[in-house]
Amino acid sequence: EETHKFTEQTLFFLSGVGEAIINGELHPIVSGDVVVVTPNTKHNFKNTGSEDLKIFTTYAPPNHIDGRVHRTKAEADADVADEAIGESAPLN
């Protein structure tokens, strides 16, 4: 699970099936679903199906280096420079 201190995250589920864990509660997700995660909300998303769970995500304000793409959660977790972007307060 993770939280974003200053950022709202909107996730668009493009394919696959899975589950959203929002503040400890499980919710099924399928292709076509949209989930909005507000700042400071614990969340995680897991693939529970046999095909890839493909997600397009936006952040407001930005939470990642512009143009950065992570193909897997492991890849995103390993990107230390990118992770630091979302930890700073937004500029006014």
PDB file of N, CA and C in Angstrom:
ATOM      1  N   GLU A   1       0.843  -1.192   0.000  1.00  0.00           N
ATOM      2  CA  GLU A   1       0.000   0.000   0.000  1.00  0.00           C
ATOM      3  C   GLU A   1       0.875   1.237   0.000  1.00  0.00           C
ATOM      4  N   GLU A   2       0.303   2.320  -0.492  1.00  0.00           N
ATOM      5  CA  GLU A   2       1.014   3.588  -0.517  1.00  0.00           C
ATOM      6  C   GLU A   2       0.023   4.720  -0.301  1.00  0.00           C
ATOM      7  N   THR A   3       0.552   5.889  -0.016  1.00  0.00           N
ATOM      8  CA  THR A   3      -0.243   7.112   0.050  1.00  0.00           C
ATOM      9  C   THR A   3       0.504   8.195  -0.719  1.00  0.00           C
ATOM     10  N   HIS A   4      -0.214   9.214  -1.130  1.00  0.00           N
ATOM     11  CA  HIS A   4       0.389  10.387  -1.759  1.00  0.00           C
ATOM     12  C   HIS A   4       0.000  11.581  -0.898  1.00  0.00           C
ATOM     13  N   LYS A   5       0.999  12.219  -0.342  1.00  0.00           N
ATOM     14  CA  LYS A   5       0.771  13.283   0.632  1.00  0.00           C
ATOM     15  C   LYS A   5       0.006  14.476   0.052  1.00  0.00           C
ATOM     16  N   PHE A   6       0.349  14.871  -1.173  1.00  0.00           N
ATOM     17  CA  PHE A   6      -0.219  16.099  -1.736  1.00  0.00           C
ATOM     18  C   PHE A   6      -1.001  15.881  -3.033  1.00  0.00           C
ATOM     19  N   THR A   7      -1.102  14.651  -3.480  1.00  0.00           N
ATOM     20  CA  THR A   7      -1.560  14.395  -4.843  1.00  0.00           C
ATOM     21  C   THR A   7      -2.829  13.552  -4.904  1.00  0.00           C
ATOM     22  N   GLU A   8      -3.745  13.941  -5.799  1.00  0.00           N
ATOM     23  CA  GLU A   8      -4.901  13.111  -6.128  1.00  0.00           C
ATOM     24  C   GLU A   8      -4.523  12.246  -7.328  1.00  0.00           C
ATOM     25  N   GLN A   9      -4.849  10.959  -7.260  1.00  0.00           N
ATOM     26  CA  GLN A   9      -4.515  10.014  -8.323  1.00  0.00           C
ATOM     27  C   GLN A   9      -5.806   9.483  -8.932  1.00  0.00           C
ATOM     28  N   THR A  10      -5.894   9.529 -10.257  1.00  0.00           N
ATOM     29  CA  THR A  10      -7.036   8.962 -10.974  1.00  0.00           C
ATOM     30  C   THR A  10      -6.525   7.821 -11.835  1.00  0.00           C
ATOM     31  N   LEU A  11      -7.131   6.646 -11.664  1.00  0.00           N
ATOM     32  CA  LEU A  11      -6.706   5.442 -12.379  1.00  0.00           C
ATOM     33  C   LEU A  11      -7.808   4.992 -13.322  1.00  0.00           C
ATOM     34  N   PHE A  12      -7.435   4.733 -14.573  1.00  0.00           N
ATOM     35  CA  PHE A  12      -8.338   4.233 -15.598  1.00  0.00           C
ATOM     36  C   PHE A  12      -7.903   2.805 -15.904  1.00  0.00           C
ATOM     37  N   PHE A  13      -8.767   1.835 -15.682  1.00  0.00           N
ATOM     38  CA  PHE A  13      -8.439   0.424 -15.886  1.00  0.00           C
ATOM     39  C   PHE A  13      -8.792   0.041 -17.317  1.00  0.00           C
ATOM     40  N   LEU A  14      -7.766  -0.267 -18.102  1.00  0.00           N
ATOM     41  CA  LEU A  14      -7.917  -0.490 -19.538  1.00  0.00           C
ATOM     42  C   LEU A  14      -8.188  -1.939 -19.901  1.00  0.00           C
ATOM     43  N   SER A  15      -7.662  -2.877 -19.104  1.00  0.00           N
ATOM     44  CA  SER A  15      -7.908  -4.298 -19.363  1.00  0.00           C
ATOM     45  C   SER A  15      -7.613  -5.095 -18.107  1.00  0.00           C
ATOM     46  N   GLY A  16      -8.162  -6.299 -18.057  1.00  0.00           N
ATOM     47  CA  GLY A  16      -7.917  -7.186 -16.931  1.00  0.00           C
ATOM     48  C   GLY A  16      -8.940  -7.032 -15.820  1.00  0.00           C
ATOM     49  N   VAL A  17      -8.732  -7.814 -14.762  1.00  0.00           N
ATOM     50  CA  VAL A  17      -9.561  -7.760 -13.560  1.00  0.00           C
ATOM     51  C   VAL A  17      -8.635  -7.755 -12.353  1.00  0.00           C
ATOM     52  N   GLY A  18      -9.122  -7.178 -11.272  1.00  0.00           N
ATOM     53  CA  GLY A  18      -8.293  -7.117 -10.079  1.00  0.00           C
ATOM     54  C   GLY A  18      -9.079  -6.647  -8.886  1.00  0.00           C
ATOM     55  N   GLU A  19      -8.329  -6.162  -7.909  1.00  0.00           N
ATOM     56  CA  GLU A  19      -8.969  -5.609  -6.719  1.00  0.00           C
ATOM     57  C   GLU A  19      -8.256  -4.333  -6.313  1.00  0.00           C
ATOM     58  N   ALA A  20      -9.049  -3.396  -5.830  1.00  0.00           N
ATOM     59  CA  ALA A  20      -8.548  -2.161  -5.254  1.00  0.00           C
ATOM     60  C   ALA A  20      -8.613  -2.321  -3.742  1.00  0.00           C
ATOM     61  N   ILE A  21      -7.538  -1.966  -3.073  1.00  0.00           N
ATOM     62  CA  ILE A  21      -7.525  -1.953  -1.614  1.00  0.00           C
ATOM     63  C   ILE A  21      -7.434  -0.484  -1.215  1.00  0.00           C
ATOM     64  N   ILE A  22      -8.534   0.055  -0.707  1.00  0.00           N
ATOM     65  CA  ILE A  22      -8.626   1.464  -0.347  1.00  0.00           C
ATOM     66  C   ILE A  22      -8.873   1.552   1.152  1.00  0.00           C
ATOM     67  N   ASN A  23      -7.899   2.113   1.877  1.00  0.00           N
ATOM     68  CA  ASN A  23      -7.986   2.191   3.342  1.00  0.00           C
ATOM     69  C   ASN A  23      -8.379   0.850   3.955  1.00  0.00           C
ATOM     70  N   GLY A  24      -7.787  -0.227   3.430  1.00  0.00           N
ATOM     71  CA  GLY A  24      -8.003  -1.560   3.980  1.00  0.00           C
ATOM     72  C   GLY A  24      -9.232  -2.292   3.474  1.00  0.00           C
ATOM     73  N   GLU A  25     -10.074  -1.641   2.670  1.00  0.00           N
ATOM     74  CA  GLU A  25     -11.282  -2.279   2.138  1.00  0.00           C
ATOM     75  C   GLU A  25     -11.040  -2.766   0.709  1.00  0.00           C
ATOM     76  N   LEU A  26     -11.465  -4.001   0.420  1.00  0.00           N
ATOM     77  CA  LEU A  26     -11.313  -4.578  -0.916  1.00  0.00           C
ATOM     78  C   LEU A  26     -12.506  -4.224  -1.797  1.00  0.00           C
ATOM     79  N   HIS A  27     -12.207  -3.855  -3.043  1.00  0.00           N
ATOM     80  CA  HIS A  27     -13.242  -3.542  -4.031  1.00  0.00           C
ATOM     81  C   HIS A  27     -12.835  -4.190  -5.349  1.00  0.00           C
ATOM     82  N   PRO A  28     -13.721  -4.957  -6.003  1.00  0.00           N
ATOM     83  CA  PRO A  28     -13.370  -5.543  -7.300  1.00  0.00           C
ATOM     84  C   PRO A  28     -13.243  -4.449  -8.360  1.00  0.00           C
ATOM     85  N   ILE A  29     -12.324  -4.645  -9.298  1.00  0.00           N
ATOM     86  CA  ILE A  29     -12.166  -3.720 -10.416  1.00  0.00           C
ATOM     87  C   ILE A  29     -12.100  -4.523 -11.713  1.00  0.00           C
ATOM     88  N   VAL A  30     -12.659  -3.942 -12.768  1.00  0.00           N
ATOM     89  CA  VAL A  30     -12.653  -4.578 -14.089  1.00  0.00           C
ATOM     90  C   VAL A  30     -12.325  -3.517 -15.136  1.00  0.00           C
ATOM     91  N   SER A  31     -12.019  -3.972 -16.327  1.00  0.00           N
ATOM     92  CA  SER A  31     -11.760  -3.073 -17.441  1.00  0.00           C
ATOM     93  C   SER A  31     -12.919  -2.085 -17.589  1.00  0.00           C
ATOM     94  N   GLY A  32     -12.594  -0.810 -17.733  1.00  0.00           N
ATOM     95  CA  GLY A  32     -13.609   0.233 -17.850  1.00  0.00           C
ATOM     96  C   GLY A  32     -13.842   1.002 -16.568  1.00  0.00           C
ATOM     97  N   ASP A  33     -13.380   0.470 -15.435  1.00  0.00           N
ATOM     98  CA  ASP A  33     -13.554   1.169 -14.161  1.00  0.00           C
ATOM     99  C   ASP A  33     -12.608   2.365 -14.060  1.00  0.00           C
ATOM    100  N   VAL A  34     -13.024   3.352 -13.273  1.00  0.00           N
ATOM    101  CA  VAL A  34     -12.201   4.513 -12.945  1.00  0.00           C
ATOM    102  C   VAL A  34     -12.219   4.654 -11.430  1.00  0.00           C
ATOM    103  N   VAL A  35     -11.045   4.861 -10.831  1.00  0.00           N
ATOM    104  CA  VAL A  35     -10.937   5.039  -9.384  1.00  0.00           C
ATOM    105  C   VAL A  35     -10.196   6.345  -9.120  1.00  0.00           C
ATOM    106  N   VAL A  36     -10.733   7.179  -8.224  1.00  0.00           N
ATOM    107  CA  VAL A  36     -10.073   8.412  -7.803  1.00  0.00           C
ATOM    108  C   VAL A  36      -9.620   8.227  -6.363  1.00  0.00           C
ATOM    109  N   VAL A  37      -8.321   8.445  -6.131  1.00  0.00           N
ATOM    110  CA  VAL A  37      -7.730   8.301  -4.803  1.00  0.00           C
ATOM    111  C   VAL A  37      -7.326   9.692  -4.323  1.00  0.00           C
ATOM    112  N   THR A  38      -7.917  10.153  -3.235  1.00  0.00           N
ATOM    113  CA  THR A  38      -7.614  11.475  -2.701  1.00  0.00           C
ATOM    114  C   THR A  38      -6.315  11.449  -1.887  1.00  0.00           C
ATOM    115  N   PRO A  39      -5.692  12.620  -1.666  1.00  0.00           N
ATOM    116  CA  PRO A  39      -4.448  12.654  -0.899  1.00  0.00           C
ATOM    117  C   PRO A  39      -4.591  11.970   0.462  1.00  0.00           C
ATOM    118  N   ASN A  40      -3.502  11.355   0.897  1.00  0.00           N
ATOM    119  CA  ASN A  40      -3.392  10.684   2.199  1.00  0.00           C
ATOM    120  C   ASN A  40      -4.295   9.466   2.357  1.00  0.00           C
ATOM    121  N   THR A  41      -4.757   8.886   1.257  1.00  0.00           N
ATOM    122  CA  THR A  41      -5.564   7.671   1.286  1.00  0.00           C
ATOM    123  C   THR A  41      -4.665   6.472   1.004  1.00  0.00           C
ATOM    124  N   LYS A  42      -4.652   5.482   1.910  1.00  0.00           N
ATOM    125  CA  LYS A  42      -3.884   4.258   1.666  1.00  0.00           C
ATOM    126  C   LYS A  42      -4.538   3.493   0.533  1.00  0.00           C
ATOM    127  N   HIS A  43      -3.719   3.049  -0.429  1.00  0.00           N
ATOM    128  CA  HIS A  43      -4.287   2.342  -1.572  1.00  0.00           C
ATOM    129  C   HIS A  43      -3.280   1.400  -2.214  1.00  0.00           C
ATOM    130  N   ASN A  44      -3.817   0.398  -2.879  1.00  0.00           N
ATOM    131  CA  ASN A  44      -3.040  -0.532  -3.684  1.00  0.00           C
ATOM    132  C   ASN A  44      -3.995  -1.200  -4.665  1.00  0.00           C
ATOM    133  N   PHE A  45      -3.450  -1.708  -5.754  1.00  0.00           N
ATOM    134  CA  PHE A  45      -4.249  -2.365  -6.781  1.00  0.00           C
ATOM    135  C   PHE A  45      -3.539  -3.641  -7.172  1.00  0.00           C
ATOM    136  N   LYS A  46      -4.293  -4.741  -7.237  1.00  0.00           N
ATOM    137  CA  LYS A  46      -3.699  -6.048  -7.528  1.00  0.00           C
ATOM    138  C   LYS A  46      -4.428  -6.724  -8.673  1.00  0.00           C
ATOM    139  N   ASN A  47      -3.646  -7.375  -9.521  1.00  0.00           N
ATOM    140  CA  ASN A  47      -4.196  -8.179 -10.604  1.00  0.00           C
ATOM    141  C   ASN A  47      -4.661  -9.509 -10.019  1.00  0.00           C
ATOM    142  N   THR A  48      -5.910  -9.874 -10.248  1.00  0.00           N
ATOM    143  CA  THR A  48      -6.423 -11.163  -9.775  1.00  0.00           C
ATOM    144  C   THR A  48      -6.800 -12.083 -10.933  1.00  0.00           C
ATOM    145  N   GLY A  49      -6.533 -11.643 -12.161  1.00  0.00           N
ATOM    146  CA  GLY A  49      -6.907 -12.427 -13.333  1.00  0.00           C
ATOM    147  C   GLY A  49      -5.711 -13.053 -14.026  1.00  0.00           C
ATOM    148  N   SER A  50      -5.983 -13.689 -15.150  1.00  0.00           N
ATOM    149  CA  SER A  50      -4.935 -14.381 -15.905  1.00  0.00           C
ATOM    150  C   SER A  50      -4.281 -13.487 -16.962  1.00  0.00           C
ATOM    151  N   GLU A  51      -4.900 -12.357 -17.303  1.00  0.00           N
ATOM    152  CA  GLU A  51      -4.289 -11.436 -18.260  1.00  0.00           C
ATOM    153  C   GLU A  51      -3.754 -10.210 -17.520  1.00  0.00           C
ATOM    154  N   ASP A  52      -2.937  -9.418 -18.198  1.00  0.00           N
ATOM    155  CA  ASP A  52      -2.370  -8.225 -17.574  1.00  0.00           C
ATOM    156  C   ASP A  52      -3.473  -7.261 -17.144  1.00  0.00           C
ATOM    157  N   LEU A  53      -3.282  -6.631 -15.995  1.00  0.00           N
ATOM    158  CA  LEU A  53      -4.142  -5.543 -15.534  1.00  0.00           C
ATOM    159  C   LEU A  53      -3.466  -4.260 -15.996  1.00  0.00           C
ATOM    160  N   LYS A  54      -4.020  -3.633 -17.029  1.00  0.00           N
ATOM    161  CA  LYS A  54      -3.411  -2.434 -17.598  1.00  0.00           C
ATOM    162  C   LYS A  54      -4.135  -1.204 -17.076  1.00  0.00           C
ATOM    163  N   ILE A  55      -3.327  -0.251 -16.592  1.00  0.00           N
ATOM    164  CA  ILE A  55      -3.848   0.943 -15.927  1.00  0.00           C
ATOM    165  C   ILE A  55      -3.183   2.177 -16.520  1.00  0.00           C
ATOM    166  N   PHE A  56      -3.984   3.202 -16.781  1.00  0.00           N
ATOM    167  CA  PHE A  56      -3.475   4.525 -17.142  1.00  0.00           C
ATOM    168  C   PHE A  56      -3.772   5.419 -15.950  1.00  0.00           C
ATOM    169  N   THR A  57      -2.757   6.120 -15.457  1.00  0.00           N
ATOM    170  CA  THR A  57      -2.902   6.902 -14.228  1.00  0.00           C
ATOM    171  C   THR A  57      -2.528   8.354 -14.464  1.00  0.00           C
ATOM    172  N   THR A  58      -3.312   9.272 -13.879  1.00  0.00           N
ATOM    173  CA  THR A  58      -2.950  10.689 -13.871  1.00  0.00           C
ATOM    174  C   THR A  58      -2.858  11.167 -12.431  1.00  0.00           C
ATOM    175  N   TYR A  59      -2.064  12.209 -12.217  1.00  0.00           N
ATOM    176  CA  TYR A  59      -1.863  12.782 -10.885  1.00  0.00           C
ATOM    177  C   TYR A  59      -2.055  14.288 -10.961  1.00  0.00           C
ATOM    178  N   ALA A  60      -2.664  14.859  -9.933  1.00  0.00           N
ATOM    179  CA  ALA A  60      -2.819  16.303  -9.845  1.00  0.00           C
ATOM    180  C   ALA A  60      -2.587  16.742  -8.401  1.00  0.00           C
ATOM    181  N   PRO A  61      -1.589  17.551  -8.128  1.00  0.00           N
ATOM    182  CA  PRO A  61      -0.524  17.979  -9.030  1.00  0.00           C
ATOM    183  C   PRO A  61       0.374  16.805  -9.405  1.00  0.00           C
ATOM    184  N   PRO A  62       1.311  17.017 -10.356  1.00  0.00           N
ATOM    185  CA  PRO A  62       2.171  15.917 -10.812  1.00  0.00           C
ATOM    186  C   PRO A  62       2.863  15.195  -9.661  1.00  0.00           C
ATOM    187  N   ASN A  63       2.998  13.888  -9.811  1.00  0.00           N
ATOM    188  CA  ASN A  63       3.622  13.051  -8.786  1.00  0.00           C
ATOM    189  C   ASN A  63       4.821  12.280  -9.342  1.00  0.00           C
ATOM    190  N   HIS A  64       5.121  12.494 -10.624  1.00  0.00           N
ATOM    191  CA  HIS A  64       6.228  11.788 -11.271  1.00  0.00           C
ATOM    192  C   HIS A  64       6.954  12.727 -12.225  1.00  0.00           C
ATOM    193  N   ILE A  65       8.156  12.363 -12.604  1.00  0.00           N
ATOM    194  CA  ILE A  65       8.923  13.114 -13.586  1.00  0.00           C
ATOM    195  C   ILE A  65       8.158  13.088 -14.911  1.00  0.00           C
ATOM    196  N   ASP A  66       8.048  14.252 -15.552  1.00  0.00           N
ATOM    197  CA  ASP A  66       7.291  14.375 -16.796  1.00  0.00           C
ATOM    198  C   ASP A  66       7.785  13.377 -17.841  1.00  0.00           C
ATOM    199  N   GLY A  67       6.856  12.630 -18.415  1.00  0.00           N
ATOM    200  CA  GLY A  67       7.172  11.674 -19.456  1.00  0.00           C
ATOM    201  C   GLY A  67       7.628  10.308 -18.974  1.00  0.00           C
ATOM    202  N   ARG A  68       7.758  10.128 -17.666  1.00  0.00           N
ATOM    203  CA  ARG A  68       8.244   8.855 -17.116  1.00  0.00           C
ATOM    204  C   ARG A  68       7.154   7.797 -17.241  1.00  0.00           C
ATOM    205  N   VAL A  69       7.524   6.611 -17.713  1.00  0.00           N
ATOM    206  CA  VAL A  69       6.603   5.482 -17.850  1.00  0.00           C
ATOM    207  C   VAL A  69       7.159   4.308 -17.064  1.00  0.00           C
ATOM    208  N   HIS A  70       6.307   3.691 -16.242  1.00  0.00           N
ATOM    209  CA  HIS A  70       6.679   2.472 -15.519  1.00  0.00           C
ATOM    210  C   HIS A  70       5.785   1.348 -16.031  1.00  0.00           C
ATOM    211  N   ARG A  71       6.389   0.298 -16.509  1.00  0.00           N
ATOM    212  CA  ARG A  71       5.621  -0.813 -17.074  1.00  0.00           C
ATOM    213  C   ARG A  71       5.147  -1.804 -16.019  1.00  0.00           C
ATOM    214  N   THR A  72       5.797  -1.791 -14.840  1.00  0.00           N
ATOM    215  CA  THR A  72       5.391  -2.669 -13.735  1.00  0.00           C
ATOM    216  C   THR A  72       5.510  -1.909 -12.423  1.00  0.00           C
ATOM    217  N   LYS A  73       4.840  -2.408 -11.388  1.00  0.00           N
ATOM    218  CA  LYS A  73       4.951  -1.796 -10.061  1.00  0.00           C
ATOM    219  C   LYS A  73       6.378  -1.917  -9.545  1.00  0.00           C
ATOM    220  N   ALA A  74       7.028  -3.051  -9.799  1.00  0.00           N
ATOM    221  CA  ALA A  74       8.416  -3.241  -9.356  1.00  0.00           C
ATOM    222  C   ALA A  74       9.332  -2.197  -9.994  1.00  0.00           C
ATOM    223  N   GLU A  75       9.111  -1.914 -11.265  1.00  0.00           N
ATOM    224  CA  GLU A  75       9.894  -0.892 -11.962  1.00  0.00           C
ATOM    225  C   GLU A  75       9.667   0.481 -11.330  1.00  0.00           C
ATOM    226  N   ALA A  76       8.419   0.800 -11.015  1.00  0.00           N
ATOM    227  CA  ALA A  76       8.102   2.081 -10.382  1.00  0.00           C
ATOM    228  C   ALA A  76       8.728   2.183  -8.994  1.00  0.00           C
ATOM    229  N   ASP A  77       8.638   1.116  -8.215  1.00  0.00           N
ATOM    230  CA  ASP A  77       9.201   1.120  -6.862  1.00  0.00           C
ATOM    231  C   ASP A  77      10.714   1.302  -6.874  1.00  0.00           C
ATOM    232  N   ALA A  78      11.385   0.823  -7.916  1.00  0.00           N
ATOM    233  CA  ALA A  78      12.845   0.917  -8.006  1.00  0.00           C
ATOM    234  C   ALA A  78      13.327   2.284  -8.493  1.00  0.00           C
ATOM    235  N   ASP A  79      12.432   3.113  -8.999  1.00  0.00           N
ATOM    236  CA  ASP A  79      12.801   4.415  -9.563  1.00  0.00           C
ATOM    237  C   ASP A  79      12.851   5.468  -8.455  1.00  0.00           C
ATOM    238  N   VAL A  80      13.974   5.521  -7.755  1.00  0.00           N
ATOM    239  CA  VAL A  80      14.125   6.382  -6.576  1.00  0.00           C
ATOM    240  C   VAL A  80      14.011   7.861  -6.938  1.00  0.00           C
ATOM    241  N   ALA A  81      14.607   8.284  -8.037  1.00  0.00           N
ATOM    242  CA  ALA A  81      14.549   9.694  -8.435  1.00  0.00           C
ATOM    243  C   ALA A  81      13.113  10.125  -8.696  1.00  0.00           C
ATOM    244  N   ASP A  82      12.348   9.271  -9.338  1.00  0.00           N
ATOM    245  CA  ASP A  82      10.960   9.580  -9.651  1.00  0.00           C
ATOM    246  C   ASP A  82      10.108   9.613  -8.385  1.00  0.00           C
ATOM    247  N   GLU A  83      10.366   8.694  -7.477  1.00  0.00           N
ATOM    248  CA  GLU A  83       9.594   8.606  -6.229  1.00  0.00           C
ATOM    249  C   GLU A  83       9.699   9.894  -5.420  1.00  0.00           C
ATOM    250  N   ALA A  84      10.863  10.560  -5.468  1.00  0.00           N
ATOM    251  CA  ALA A  84      11.090  11.771  -4.677  1.00  0.00           C
ATOM    252  C   ALA A  84      10.230  12.944  -5.133  1.00  0.00           C
ATOM    253  N   ILE A  85       9.791  12.953  -6.380  1.00  0.00           N
ATOM    254  CA  ILE A  85       8.995  14.062  -6.914  1.00  0.00           C
ATOM    255  C   ILE A  85       7.697  14.243  -6.125  1.00  0.00           C
ATOM    256  N   GLY A  86       7.010  13.181  -5.822  1.00  0.00           N
ATOM    257  CA  GLY A  86       5.720  13.260  -5.144  1.00  0.00           C
ATOM    258  C   GLY A  86       5.795  13.554  -3.659  1.00  0.00           C
ATOM    259  N   GLU A  87       6.999  13.577  -3.102  1.00  0.00           N
ATOM    260  CA  GLU A  87       7.153  13.815  -1.667  1.00  0.00           C
ATOM    261  C   GLU A  87       7.271  15.288  -1.319  1.00  0.00           C
ATOM    262  N   SER A  88       7.427  16.155  -2.314  1.00  0.00           N
ATOM    263  CA  SER A  88       7.575  17.579  -2.031  1.00  0.00           C
ATOM    264  C   SER A  88       6.231  18.281  -2.184  1.00  0.00           C
ATOM    265  N   ALA A  89       6.065  19.353  -1.419  1.00  0.00           N
ATOM    266  CA  ALA A  89       4.820  20.118  -1.459  1.00  0.00           C
ATOM    267  C   ALA A  89       4.687  20.808  -2.812  1.00  0.00           C
ATOM    268  N   PRO A  90       3.467  20.915  -3.337  1.00  0.00           N
ATOM    269  CA  PRO A  90       3.280  21.601  -4.618  1.00  0.00           C
ATOM    270  C   PRO A  90       3.616  23.085  -4.500  1.00  0.00           C
ATOM    271  N   LEU A  91       4.063  23.662  -5.604  1.00  0.00           N
ATOM    272  CA  LEU A  91       4.360  25.093  -5.631  1.00  0.00           C
ATOM    273  C   LEU A  91       3.065  25.873  -5.753  1.00  0.00           C
ATOM    274  N   ASN A  92       2.998  27.016  -5.105  1.00  0.00           N
ATOM    275  CA  ASN A  92       1.801  27.871  -5.195  1.00  0.00           C
ATOM    276  C   ASN A  92       1.911  28.853  -6.320  1.00  0.00           C
TER     277      ASN A  92
END
